[in-house]
């Protein structure tokens, strides 16, 4: 069995690892928000956006 040589530097490996962690966290957050919105809609409750955020 032959293994391919990994040409990435340690810095590149760390950067890729951190990027993967951030992406995974963002995906989990998006899923949580979607789940919460579906739950609120099932109860007939709409999430109200504060007026300050609408002005931005």
PDB file of N, CA and C in Angstrom:
ATOM      1  N   UNK A   1       0.848  -1.182   0.000  1.00  0.00           N
ATOM      2  CA  UNK A   1       0.000   0.000   0.000  1.00  0.00           C
ATOM      3  C   UNK A   1       0.891   1.242   0.000  1.00  0.00           C
ATOM      4  N   UNK A   2       0.617   2.157  -0.933  1.00  0.00           N
ATOM      5  CA  UNK A   2       1.405   3.395  -1.009  1.00  0.00           C
ATOM      6  C   UNK A   2       0.585   4.550  -0.456  1.00  0.00           C
ATOM      7  N   UNK A   3       1.255   5.423   0.242  1.00  0.00           N
ATOM      8  CA  UNK A   3       0.606   6.619   0.770  1.00  0.00           C
ATOM      9  C   UNK A   3       1.114   7.829   0.009  1.00  0.00           C
ATOM     10  N   UNK A   4       0.196   8.729  -0.308  1.00  0.00           N
ATOM     11  CA  UNK A   4       0.611   9.959  -0.988  1.00  0.00           C
ATOM     12  C   UNK A   4       1.251  10.892   0.027  1.00  0.00           C
ATOM     13  N   UNK A   5       2.277  11.569  -0.397  1.00  0.00           N
ATOM     14  CA  UNK A   5       2.953  12.518   0.481  1.00  0.00           C
ATOM     15  C   UNK A   5       2.068  13.752   0.645  1.00  0.00           C
ATOM     16  N   UNK A   6       1.931  14.199   1.883  1.00  0.00           N
ATOM     17  CA  UNK A   6       1.139  15.395   2.170  1.00  0.00           C
ATOM     18  C   UNK A   6       2.057  16.606   2.039  1.00  0.00           C
ATOM     19  N   UNK A   7       1.778  17.446   1.056  1.00  0.00           N
ATOM     20  CA  UNK A   7       2.640  18.592   0.789  1.00  0.00           C
ATOM     21  C   UNK A   7       2.222  19.858   1.531  1.00  0.00           C
ATOM     22  N   UNK A   8       1.161  19.789   2.325  1.00  0.00           N
ATOM     23  CA  UNK A   8       0.718  20.976   3.058  1.00  0.00           C
ATOM     24  C   UNK A   8       1.629  21.231   4.257  1.00  0.00           C
ATOM     25  N   UNK A   9       1.899  22.504   4.495  1.00  0.00           N
ATOM     26  CA  UNK A   9       2.697  22.858   5.670  1.00  0.00           C
ATOM     27  C   UNK A   9       1.816  22.751   6.916  1.00  0.00           C
ATOM     28  N   UNK A  10       2.449  22.774   8.063  1.00  0.00           N
ATOM     29  CA  UNK A  10       1.704  22.695   9.319  1.00  0.00           C
ATOM     30  C   UNK A  10       0.742  23.872   9.443  1.00  0.00           C
ATOM     31  N   UNK A  11       1.163  25.049   9.002  1.00  0.00           N
ATOM     32  CA  UNK A  11       0.306  26.233   9.071  1.00  0.00           C
ATOM     33  C   UNK A  11      -0.933  26.051   8.207  1.00  0.00           C
ATOM     34  N   UNK A  12      -0.747  25.498   7.012  1.00  0.00           N
ATOM     35  CA  UNK A  12      -1.887  25.259   6.121  1.00  0.00           C
ATOM     36  C   UNK A  12      -2.842  24.227   6.712  1.00  0.00           C
ATOM     37  N   UNK A  13      -2.286  23.215   7.365  1.00  0.00           N
ATOM     38  CA  UNK A  13      -3.123  22.192   7.996  1.00  0.00           C
ATOM     39  C   UNK A  13      -3.958  22.794   9.121  1.00  0.00           C
ATOM     40  N   UNK A  14      -3.330  23.642   9.942  1.00  0.00           N
ATOM     41  CA  UNK A  14      -4.047  24.294  11.043  1.00  0.00           C
ATOM     42  C   UNK A  14      -5.128  25.215  10.488  1.00  0.00           C
ATOM     43  N   UNK A  15      -4.795  25.982   9.451  1.00  0.00           N
ATOM     44  CA  UNK A  15      -5.767  26.895   8.847  1.00  0.00           C
ATOM     45  C   UNK A  15      -6.957  26.117   8.293  1.00  0.00           C
ATOM     46  N   UNK A  16      -6.697  24.999   7.640  1.00  0.00           N
ATOM     47  CA  UNK A  16      -7.782  24.174   7.085  1.00  0.00           C
ATOM     48  C   UNK A  16      -8.635  23.588   8.204  1.00  0.00           C
ATOM     49  N   UNK A  17      -7.986  23.130   9.274  1.00  0.00           N
ATOM     50  CA  UNK A  17      -8.703  22.569  10.418  1.00  0.00           C
ATOM     51  C   UNK A  17      -9.623  23.610  11.041  1.00  0.00           C
ATOM     52  N   UNK A  18      -9.101  24.829  11.245  1.00  0.00           N
ATOM     53  CA  UNK A  18      -9.915  25.892  11.831  1.00  0.00           C
ATOM     54  C   UNK A  18     -11.067  26.278  10.908  1.00  0.00           C
ATOM     55  N   UNK A  19     -10.815  26.341   9.607  1.00  0.00           N
ATOM     56  CA  UNK A  19     -11.880  26.660   8.652  1.00  0.00           C
ATOM     57  C   UNK A  19     -12.971  25.592   8.703  1.00  0.00           C
ATOM     58  N   UNK A  20     -12.575  24.338   8.801  1.00  0.00           N
ATOM     59  CA  UNK A  20     -13.550  23.246   8.894  1.00  0.00           C
ATOM     60  C   UNK A  20     -14.373  23.351  10.175  1.00  0.00           C
ATOM     61  N   UNK A  21     -13.725  23.702  11.289  1.00  0.00           N
ATOM     62  CA  UNK A  21     -14.445  23.873  12.554  1.00  0.00           C
ATOM     63  C   UNK A  21     -15.468  25.001  12.465  1.00  0.00           C
ATOM     64  N   UNK A  22     -15.055  26.129  11.880  1.00  0.00           N
ATOM     65  CA  UNK A  22     -15.946  27.281  11.743  1.00  0.00           C
ATOM     66  C   UNK A  22     -17.138  26.924  10.860  1.00  0.00           C
ATOM     67  N   UNK A  23     -16.873  26.264   9.735  1.00  0.00           N
ATOM     68  CA  UNK A  23     -17.960  25.869   8.836  1.00  0.00           C
ATOM     69  C   UNK A  23     -18.934  24.919   9.525  1.00  0.00           C
ATOM     70  N   UNK A  24     -18.415  23.979  10.298  1.00  0.00           N
ATOM     71  CA  UNK A  24     -19.274  23.034  11.006  1.00  0.00           C
ATOM     72  C   UNK A  24     -20.135  23.763  12.037  1.00  0.00           C
ATOM     73  N   UNK A  25     -19.541  24.726  12.745  1.00  0.00           N
ATOM     74  CA  UNK A  25     -20.289  25.494  13.740  1.00  0.00           C
ATOM     75  C   UNK A  25     -21.388  26.316  13.069  1.00  0.00           C
ATOM     76  N   UNK A  26     -21.069  26.930  11.924  1.00  0.00           N
ATOM     77  CA  UNK A  26     -22.074  27.713  11.202  1.00  0.00           C
ATOM     78  C   UNK A  26     -23.207  26.820  10.716  1.00  0.00           C
ATOM     79  N   UNK A  27     -22.883  25.629  10.255  1.00  0.00           N
ATOM     80  CA  UNK A  27     -23.913  24.688   9.802  1.00  0.00           C
ATOM     81  C   UNK A  27     -24.828  24.287  10.956  1.00  0.00           C
ATOM     82  N   UNK A  28     -24.232  24.005  12.131  1.00  0.00           N
ATOM     83  CA  UNK A  28     -25.042  23.634  13.297  1.00  0.00           C
ATOM     84  C   UNK A  28     -25.955  24.777  13.703  1.00  0.00           C
ATOM     85  N   UNK A  29     -25.433  26.011  13.683  1.00  0.00           N
ATOM     86  CA  UNK A  29     -26.228  27.180  14.055  1.00  0.00           C
ATOM     87  C   UNK A  29     -27.392  27.364  13.082  1.00  0.00           C
ATOM     88  N   UNK A  30     -27.138  27.212  11.795  1.00  0.00           N
ATOM     89  CA  UNK A  30     -28.196  27.360  10.789  1.00  0.00           C
ATOM     90  C   UNK A  30     -29.279  26.300  10.991  1.00  0.00           C
ATOM     91  N   UNK A  31     -28.880  25.068  11.272  1.00  0.00           N
ATOM     92  CA  UNK A  31     -29.857  24.002  11.510  1.00  0.00           C
ATOM     93  C   UNK A  31     -30.674  24.291  12.762  1.00  0.00           C
ATOM     94  N   UNK A  32     -30.022  24.809  13.806  1.00  0.00           N
ATOM     95  CA  UNK A  32     -30.728  25.124  15.047  1.00  0.00           C
ATOM     96  C   UNK A  32     -31.769  26.211  14.808  1.00  0.00           C
ATOM     97  N   UNK A  33     -31.383  27.243  14.046  1.00  0.00           N
ATOM     98  CA  UNK A  33     -32.301  28.339  13.752  1.00  0.00           C
ATOM     99  C   UNK A  33     -33.492  27.835  12.942  1.00  0.00           C
ATOM    100  N   UNK A  34     -33.230  27.003  11.937  1.00  0.00           N
ATOM    101  CA  UNK A  34     -34.323  26.453  11.127  1.00  0.00           C
ATOM    102  C   UNK A  34     -35.268  25.618  11.980  1.00  0.00           C
ATOM    103  N   UNK A  35     -34.708  24.814  12.861  1.00  0.00           N
ATOM    104  CA  UNK A  35     -35.523  23.970  13.731  1.00  0.00           C
ATOM    105  C   UNK A  35     -36.388  24.834  14.648  1.00  0.00           C
ATOM    106  N   UNK A  36     -35.786  25.892  15.195  1.00  0.00           N
ATOM    107  CA  UNK A  36     -36.525  26.797  16.072  1.00  0.00           C
ATOM    108  C   UNK A  36     -37.647  27.503  15.313  1.00  0.00           C
ATOM    109  N   UNK A  37     -37.385  27.936  14.074  1.00  0.00           N
ATOM    110  CA  UNK A  37     -38.410  28.602  13.276  1.00  0.00           C
ATOM    111  C   UNK A  37     -39.565  27.661  12.957  1.00  0.00           C
ATOM    112  N   UNK A  38     -39.253  26.414  12.614  1.00  0.00           N
ATOM    113  CA  UNK A  38     -40.319  25.435  12.341  1.00  0.00           C
ATOM    114  C   UNK A  38     -41.158  25.203  13.588  1.00  0.00           C
ATOM    115  N   UNK A  39     -40.499  25.138  14.737  1.00  0.00           N
ATOM    116  CA  UNK A  39     -41.217  24.940  15.993  1.00  0.00           C
ATOM    117  C   UNK A  39     -42.155  26.107  16.271  1.00  0.00           C
ATOM    118  N   UNK A  40     -41.643  27.338  16.114  1.00  0.00           N
ATOM    119  CA  UNK A  40     -42.472  28.520  16.343  1.00  0.00           C
ATOM    120  C   UNK A  40     -43.662  28.550  15.387  1.00  0.00           C
ATOM    121  N   UNK A  41     -43.427  28.207  14.117  1.00  0.00           N
ATOM    122  CA  UNK A  41     -44.517  28.207  13.141  1.00  0.00           C
ATOM    123  C   UNK A  41     -45.550  27.144  13.486  1.00  0.00           C
ATOM    124  N   UNK A  42     -45.107  26.029  14.015  1.00  0.00           N
ATOM    125  CA  UNK A  42     -46.051  24.971  14.384  1.00  0.00           C
ATOM    126  C   UNK A  42     -46.948  25.425  15.531  1.00  0.00           C
ATOM    127  N   UNK A  43     -46.466  26.342  16.327  1.00  0.00           N
ATOM    128  CA  UNK A  43     -47.272  26.889  17.421  1.00  0.00           C
ATOM    129  C   UNK A  43     -48.078  28.106  16.979  1.00  0.00           C
ATOM    130  N   UNK A  44     -47.838  28.555  15.744  1.00  0.00           N
ATOM    131  CA  UNK A  44     -48.556  29.723  15.244  1.00  0.00           C
ATOM    132  C   UNK A  44     -47.968  31.028  15.736  1.00  0.00           C
ATOM    133  N   UNK A  45     -46.717  30.997  16.151  1.00  0.00           N
ATOM    134  CA  UNK A  45     -46.067  32.206  16.666  1.00  0.00           C
ATOM    135  C   UNK A  45     -45.071  32.695  15.630  1.00  0.00           C
ATOM    136  N   UNK A  46     -45.157  33.950  15.286  1.00  0.00           N
ATOM    137  CA  UNK A  46     -44.201  34.542  14.343  1.00  0.00           C
ATOM    138  C   UNK A  46     -43.127  35.277  15.142  1.00  0.00           C
ATOM    139  N   UNK A  47     -41.892  35.137  14.705  1.00  0.00           N
ATOM    140  CA  UNK A  47     -40.790  35.833  15.355  1.00  0.00           C
ATOM    141  C   UNK A  47     -40.802  37.286  14.910  1.00  0.00           C
ATOM    142  N   UNK A  48     -40.930  38.189  15.840  1.00  0.00           N
ATOM    143  CA  UNK A  48     -40.977  39.613  15.532  1.00  0.00           C
ATOM    144  C   UNK A  48     -39.564  40.174  15.455  1.00  0.00           C
ATOM    145  N   UNK A  49     -39.277  40.921  14.385  1.00  0.00           N
ATOM    146  CA  UNK A  49     -37.971  41.554  14.218  1.00  0.00           C
ATOM    147  C   UNK A  49     -38.061  42.961  14.804  1.00  0.00           C
ATOM    148  N   UNK A  50     -37.144  43.307  15.716  1.00  0.00           N
ATOM    149  CA  UNK A  50     -37.171  44.655  16.284  1.00  0.00           C
ATOM    150  C   UNK A  50     -37.041  45.725  15.197  1.00  0.00           C
ATOM    151  N   UNK A  51     -37.689  46.867  15.411  1.00  0.00           N
ATOM    152  CA  UNK A  51     -37.674  47.946  14.422  1.00  0.00           C
ATOM    153  C   UNK A  51     -36.258  48.443  14.152  1.00  0.00           C
ATOM    154  N   UNK A  52     -35.397  48.438  15.156  1.00  0.00           N
ATOM    155  CA  UNK A  52     -34.016  48.898  14.985  1.00  0.00           C
ATOM    156  C   UNK A  52     -33.301  48.084  13.912  1.00  0.00           C
ATOM    157  N   UNK A  53     -33.539  46.780  13.872  1.00  0.00           N
ATOM    158  CA  UNK A  53     -32.886  45.922  12.882  1.00  0.00           C
ATOM    159  C   UNK A  53     -33.445  46.167  11.489  1.00  0.00           C
ATOM    160  N   UNK A  54     -34.715  46.534  11.399  1.00  0.00           N
ATOM    161  CA  UNK A  54     -35.321  46.797  10.095  1.00  0.00           C
ATOM    162  C   UNK A  54     -34.758  48.062   9.462  1.00  0.00           C
ATOM    163  N   UNK A  55     -34.354  49.029  10.296  1.00  0.00           N
ATOM    164  CA  UNK A  55     -33.840  50.303   9.794  1.00  0.00           C
ATOM    165  C   UNK A  55     -32.444  50.171   9.210  1.00  0.00           C
ATOM    166  N   UNK A  56     -31.711  49.136   9.597  1.00  0.00           N
ATOM    167  CA  UNK A  56     -30.318  48.973   9.143  1.00  0.00           C
ATOM    168  C   UNK A  56     -30.226  48.681   7.677  1.00  0.00           C
TER     169      UNK A  56
END
